[in-house]
Amino acid sequence: MRLFLVLFTFVVPSAVLAEAFQRPIPQPQTAEAELAYLAASLIFLAALIAVQWLVGRR
C-alpha cells in the first residue's frame, strides 16, 4: 500500500502538469529530399533490372 501511495504522489502531479497534445505541422518536401528519392528510385530500378537479367539467363 505504501508503494502505491509513493507512486501515486509522483504520477498524479506529472499528469496534471502535462501539456495538451499539439498536432505536428507537416513540412514541405525539400529539393534535397526529392533528389534522394530520385536516386533511391533509380538504384531500385537498376537492382530490379539486374535481378531480371540474372534470372533470365537461367
PDB file of N, CA and C in Angstrom:
ATOM      1  N   MET A   1       0.826  -1.189   0.000  1.00  0.00           N
ATOM      2  CA  MET A   1       0.000   0.000   0.000  1.00  0.00           C
ATOM      3  C   MET A   1       0.873   1.257   0.000  1.00  0.00           C
ATOM      4  N   ARG A   2       1.973   1.206   0.738  1.00  0.00           N
ATOM      5  CA  ARG A   2       2.848   2.384   0.782  1.00  0.00           C
ATOM      6  C   ARG A   2       3.473   2.625  -0.588  1.00  0.00           C
ATOM      7  N   LEU A   3       3.796   1.543  -1.283  1.00  0.00           N
ATOM      8  CA  LEU A   3       4.382   1.690  -2.617  1.00  0.00           C
ATOM      9  C   LEU A   3       3.385   2.364  -3.560  1.00  0.00           C
ATOM     10  N   PHE A   4       2.142   1.980  -3.462  1.00  0.00           N
ATOM     11  CA  PHE A   4       1.111   2.597  -4.289  1.00  0.00           C
ATOM     12  C   PHE A   4       1.010   4.094  -3.999  1.00  0.00           C
ATOM     13  N   LEU A   5       1.038   4.483  -2.746  1.00  0.00           N
ATOM     14  CA  LEU A   5       0.948   5.897  -2.394  1.00  0.00           C
ATOM     15  C   LEU A   5       2.161   6.674  -2.886  1.00  0.00           C
ATOM     16  N   VAL A   6       3.338   6.052  -2.809  1.00  0.00           N
ATOM     17  CA  VAL A   6       4.543   6.728  -3.287  1.00  0.00           C
ATOM     18  C   VAL A   6       4.471   6.926  -4.792  1.00  0.00           C
ATOM     19  N   LEU A   7       4.082   5.888  -5.515  1.00  0.00           N
ATOM     20  CA  LEU A   7       3.950   6.006  -6.966  1.00  0.00           C
ATOM     21  C   LEU A   7       2.863   7.015  -7.337  1.00  0.00           C
ATOM     22  N   PHE A   8       1.784   6.999  -6.594  1.00  0.00           N
ATOM     23  CA  PHE A   8       0.667   7.910  -6.860  1.00  0.00           C
ATOM     24  C   PHE A   8       1.095   9.361  -6.699  1.00  0.00           C
ATOM     25  N   THR A   9       1.936   9.643  -5.717  1.00  0.00           N
ATOM     26  CA  THR A   9       2.376  11.024  -5.499  1.00  0.00           C
ATOM     27  C   THR A   9       3.288  11.515  -6.616  1.00  0.00           C
ATOM     28  N   PHE A  10       3.970  10.594  -7.322  1.00  0.00           N
ATOM     29  CA  PHE A  10       4.824  11.006  -8.431  1.00  0.00           C
ATOM     30  C   PHE A  10       4.079  11.065  -9.759  1.00  0.00           C
ATOM     31  N   VAL A  11       3.091  10.213  -9.935  1.00  0.00           N
ATOM     32  CA  VAL A  11       2.398  10.126 -11.215  1.00  0.00           C
ATOM     33  C   VAL A  11       1.340  11.215 -11.362  1.00  0.00           C
ATOM     34  N   VAL A  12       0.583  11.490 -10.343  1.00  0.00           N
ATOM     35  CA  VAL A  12      -0.529  12.444 -10.438  1.00  0.00           C
ATOM     36  C   VAL A  12      -0.046  13.856 -10.769  1.00  0.00           C
ATOM     37  N   PRO A  13       0.953  14.398 -10.106  1.00  0.00           N
ATOM     38  CA  PRO A  13       1.361  15.764 -10.474  1.00  0.00           C
ATOM     39  C   PRO A  13       1.873  15.873 -11.906  1.00  0.00           C
ATOM     40  N   SER A  14       2.543  14.853 -12.400  1.00  0.00           N
ATOM     41  CA  SER A  14       3.034  14.927 -13.771  1.00  0.00           C
ATOM     42  C   SER A  14       1.880  14.885 -14.763  1.00  0.00           C
ATOM     43  N   ALA A  15       0.815  14.170 -14.444  1.00  0.00           N
ATOM     44  CA  ALA A  15      -0.344  14.125 -15.336  1.00  0.00           C
ATOM     45  C   ALA A  15      -1.086  15.464 -15.316  1.00  0.00           C
ATOM     46  N   VAL A  16      -1.107  16.115 -14.183  1.00  0.00           N
ATOM     47  CA  VAL A  16      -1.802  17.393 -14.077  1.00  0.00           C
ATOM     48  C   VAL A  16      -1.034  18.479 -14.821  1.00  0.00           C
ATOM     49  N   LEU A  17       0.293  18.420 -14.788  1.00  0.00           N
ATOM     50  CA  LEU A  17       1.113  19.445 -15.410  1.00  0.00           C
ATOM     51  C   LEU A  17       1.393  19.180 -16.888  1.00  0.00           C
ATOM     52  N   ALA A  18       0.918  18.089 -17.416  1.00  0.00           N
ATOM     53  CA  ALA A  18       1.195  17.749 -18.813  1.00  0.00           C
ATOM     54  C   ALA A  18       0.496  18.722 -19.750  1.00  0.00           C
ATOM     55  N   GLU A  19       1.174  19.033 -20.849  1.00  0.00           N
ATOM     56  CA  GLU A  19       0.588  19.938 -21.843  1.00  0.00           C
ATOM     57  C   GLU A  19      -0.378  19.169 -22.742  1.00  0.00           C
ATOM     58  N   ALA A  20      -1.268  19.914 -23.350  1.00  0.00           N
ATOM     59  CA  ALA A  20      -2.198  19.305 -24.295  1.00  0.00           C
ATOM     60  C   ALA A  20      -1.436  18.910 -25.559  1.00  0.00           C
ATOM     61  N   PHE A  21      -1.909  17.877 -26.219  1.00  0.00           N
ATOM     62  CA  PHE A  21      -1.254  17.391 -27.437  1.00  0.00           C
ATOM     63  C   PHE A  21      -1.435  18.401 -28.548  1.00  0.00           C
ATOM     64  N   GLN A  22      -0.335  18.727 -29.213  1.00  0.00           N
ATOM     65  CA  GLN A  22      -0.393  19.611 -30.369  1.00  0.00           C
ATOM     66  C   GLN A  22       0.005  18.809 -31.597  1.00  0.00           C
ATOM     67  N   ARG A  23      -0.861  18.823 -32.584  1.00  0.00           N
ATOM     68  CA  ARG A  23      -0.593  18.050 -33.801  1.00  0.00           C
ATOM     69  C   ARG A  23       0.622  18.634 -34.520  1.00  0.00           C
ATOM     70  N   PRO A  24       1.502  17.758 -35.015  1.00  0.00           N
ATOM     71  CA  PRO A  24       2.654  18.266 -35.766  1.00  0.00           C
ATOM     72  C   PRO A  24       2.222  18.830 -37.115  1.00  0.00           C
ATOM     73  N   ILE A  25       2.881  19.882 -37.529  1.00  0.00           N
ATOM     74  CA  ILE A  25       2.582  20.507 -38.811  1.00  0.00           C
ATOM     75  C   ILE A  25       3.514  19.897 -39.848  1.00  0.00           C
ATOM     76  N   PRO A  26       2.975  19.289 -40.891  1.00  0.00           N
ATOM     77  CA  PRO A  26       3.847  18.676 -41.896  1.00  0.00           C
ATOM     78  C   PRO A  26       4.677  19.731 -42.625  1.00  0.00           C
ATOM     79  N   GLN A  27       5.936  19.408 -42.848  1.00  0.00           N
ATOM     80  CA  GLN A  27       6.834  20.313 -43.544  1.00  0.00           C
ATOM     81  C   GLN A  27       6.780  20.028 -45.044  1.00  0.00           C
ATOM     82  N   PRO A  28       6.990  21.040 -45.864  1.00  0.00           N
ATOM     83  CA  PRO A  28       7.003  20.796 -47.308  1.00  0.00           C
ATOM     84  C   PRO A  28       8.228  19.975 -47.701  1.00  0.00           C
ATOM     85  N   GLN A  29       8.092  19.248 -48.787  1.00  0.00           N
ATOM     86  CA  GLN A  29       9.196  18.411 -49.258  1.00  0.00           C
ATOM     87  C   GLN A  29      10.262  19.306 -49.880  1.00  0.00           C
ATOM     88  N   THR A  30      11.508  19.075 -49.499  1.00  0.00           N
ATOM     89  CA  THR A  30      12.600  19.907 -49.992  1.00  0.00           C
ATOM     90  C   THR A  30      13.177  19.320 -51.278  1.00  0.00           C
ATOM     91  N   ALA A  31      13.979  20.122 -51.956  1.00  0.00           N
ATOM     92  CA  ALA A  31      14.627  19.667 -53.188  1.00  0.00           C
ATOM     93  C   ALA A  31      15.617  18.543 -52.875  1.00  0.00           C
ATOM     94  N   GLU A  32      16.262  18.614 -51.713  1.00  0.00           N
ATOM     95  CA  GLU A  32      17.187  17.538 -51.303  1.00  0.00           C
ATOM     96  C   GLU A  32      16.458  16.218 -51.155  1.00  0.00           C
ATOM     97  N   ALA A  33      15.284  16.266 -50.559  1.00  0.00           N
ATOM     98  CA  ALA A  33      14.502  15.049 -50.376  1.00  0.00           C
ATOM     99  C   ALA A  33      14.062  14.478 -51.717  1.00  0.00           C
ATOM    100  N   GLU A  34      13.706  15.344 -52.655  1.00  0.00           N
ATOM    101  CA  GLU A  34      13.301  14.872 -53.975  1.00  0.00           C
ATOM    102  C   GLU A  34      14.473  14.217 -54.704  1.00  0.00           C
ATOM    103  N   LEU A  35      15.667  14.803 -54.578  1.00  0.00           N
ATOM    104  CA  LEU A  35      16.845  14.201 -55.215  1.00  0.00           C
ATOM    105  C   LEU A  35      17.193  12.860 -54.583  1.00  0.00           C
ATOM    106  N   ALA A  36      17.070  12.762 -53.267  1.00  0.00           N
ATOM    107  CA  ALA A  36      17.347  11.496 -52.597  1.00  0.00           C
ATOM    108  C   ALA A  36      16.343  10.427 -53.037  1.00  0.00           C
ATOM    109  N   TYR A  37      15.079  10.827 -53.181  1.00  0.00           N
ATOM    110  CA  TYR A  37      14.052   9.889 -53.632  1.00  0.00           C
ATOM    111  C   TYR A  37      14.327   9.451 -55.069  1.00  0.00           C
ATOM    112  N   LEU A  38      14.759  10.371 -55.921  1.00  0.00           N
ATOM    113  CA  LEU A  38      15.099  10.033 -57.298  1.00  0.00           C
ATOM    114  C   LEU A  38      16.263   9.048 -57.344  1.00  0.00           C
ATOM    115  N   ALA A  39      17.297   9.310 -56.544  1.00  0.00           N
ATOM    116  CA  ALA A  39      18.454   8.413 -56.520  1.00  0.00           C
ATOM    117  C   ALA A  39      18.052   7.019 -56.026  1.00  0.00           C
ATOM    118  N   ALA A  40      17.256   6.970 -54.976  1.00  0.00           N
ATOM    119  CA  ALA A  40      16.815   5.683 -54.451  1.00  0.00           C
ATOM    120  C   ALA A  40      15.960   4.938 -55.469  1.00  0.00           C
ATOM    121  N   SER A  41      15.112   5.660 -56.188  1.00  0.00           N
ATOM    122  CA  SER A  41      14.268   5.029 -57.202  1.00  0.00           C
ATOM    123  C   SER A  41      15.110   4.446 -58.335  1.00  0.00           C
ATOM    124  N   LEU A  42      16.118   5.205 -58.773  1.00  0.00           N
ATOM    125  CA  LEU A  42      16.976   4.711 -59.858  1.00  0.00           C
ATOM    126  C   LEU A  42      17.798   3.494 -59.415  1.00  0.00           C
ATOM    127  N   ILE A  43      18.289   3.511 -58.187  1.00  0.00           N
ATOM    128  CA  ILE A  43      19.048   2.366 -57.669  1.00  0.00           C
ATOM    129  C   ILE A  43      18.144   1.137 -57.569  1.00  0.00           C
ATOM    130  N   PHE A  44      16.912   1.339 -57.109  1.00  0.00           N
ATOM    131  CA  PHE A  44      15.968   0.229 -57.007  1.00  0.00           C
ATOM    132  C   PHE A  44      15.635  -0.319 -58.392  1.00  0.00           C
ATOM    133  N   LEU A  45      15.444   0.557 -59.362  1.00  0.00           N
ATOM    134  CA  LEU A  45      15.167   0.130 -60.729  1.00  0.00           C
ATOM    135  C   LEU A  45      16.347  -0.657 -61.294  1.00  0.00           C
ATOM    136  N   ALA A  46      17.574  -0.204 -61.043  1.00  0.00           N
ATOM    137  CA  ALA A  46      18.767  -0.924 -61.502  1.00  0.00           C
ATOM    138  C   ALA A  46      18.846  -2.307 -60.858  1.00  0.00           C
ATOM    139  N   ALA A  47      18.490  -2.398 -59.587  1.00  0.00           N
ATOM    140  CA  ALA A  47      18.501  -3.691 -58.910  1.00  0.00           C
ATOM    141  C   ALA A  47      17.465  -4.636 -59.518  1.00  0.00           C
ATOM    142  N   LEU A  48      16.288  -4.114 -59.831  1.00  0.00           N
ATOM    143  CA  LEU A  48      15.256  -4.949 -60.459  1.00  0.00           C
ATOM    144  C   LEU A  48      15.703  -5.441 -61.834  1.00  0.00           C
ATOM    145  N   ILE A  49      16.336  -4.561 -62.597  1.00  0.00           N
ATOM    146  CA  ILE A  49      16.830  -4.961 -63.922  1.00  0.00           C
ATOM    147  C   ILE A  49      17.920  -6.018 -63.779  1.00  0.00           C
ATOM    148  N   ALA A  50      18.807  -5.853 -62.797  1.00  0.00           N
ATOM    149  CA  ALA A  50      19.874  -6.834 -62.576  1.00  0.00           C
ATOM    150  C   ALA A  50      19.299  -8.197 -62.196  1.00  0.00           C
ATOM    151  N   VAL A  51      18.302  -8.206 -61.354  1.00  0.00           N
ATOM    152  CA  VAL A  51      17.673  -9.478 -60.957  1.00  0.00           C
ATOM    153  C   VAL A  51      17.001 -10.125 -62.163  1.00  0.00           C
ATOM    154  N   GLN A  52      16.296  -9.334 -62.968  1.00  0.00           N
ATOM    155  CA  GLN A  52      15.643  -9.883 -64.163  1.00  0.00           C
ATOM    156  C   GLN A  52      16.684 -10.466 -65.114  1.00  0.00           C
ATOM    157  N   TRP A  53      17.789  -9.770 -65.277  1.00  0.00           N
ATOM    158  CA  TRP A  53      18.853 -10.247 -66.160  1.00  0.00           C
ATOM    159  C   TRP A  53      19.452 -11.549 -65.640  1.00  0.00           C
ATOM    160  N   LEU A  54      19.699 -11.627 -64.321  1.00  0.00           N
ATOM    161  CA  LEU A  54      20.266 -12.854 -63.755  1.00  0.00           C
ATOM    162  C   LEU A  54      19.290 -14.018 -63.846  1.00  0.00           C
ATOM    163  N   VAL A  55      18.014 -13.765 -63.596  1.00  0.00           N
ATOM    164  CA  VAL A  55      17.020 -14.847 -63.641  1.00  0.00           C
ATOM    165  C   VAL A  55      16.768 -15.270 -65.086  1.00  0.00           C
ATOM    166  N   GLY A  56      16.819 -14.329 -66.021  1.00  0.00           N
ATOM    167  CA  GLY A  56      16.554 -14.639 -67.417  1.00  0.00           C
ATOM    168  C   GLY A  56      17.668 -15.478 -68.038  1.00  0.00           C
ATOM    169  N   ARG A  57      18.839 -15.452 -67.471  1.00  0.00           N
ATOM    170  CA  ARG A  57      19.961 -16.223 -68.022  1.00  0.00           C
ATOM    171  C   ARG A  57      19.851 -17.705 -67.710  1.00  0.00           C
ATOM    172  N   ARG A  58      19.016 -18.091 -66.779  1.00  0.00           N
ATOM    173  CA  ARG A  58      18.918 -19.499 -66.392  1.00  0.00           C
ATOM    174  C   ARG A  58      18.268 -20.268 -67.438  1.00  0.00           C
TER     175      ARG A  58
END
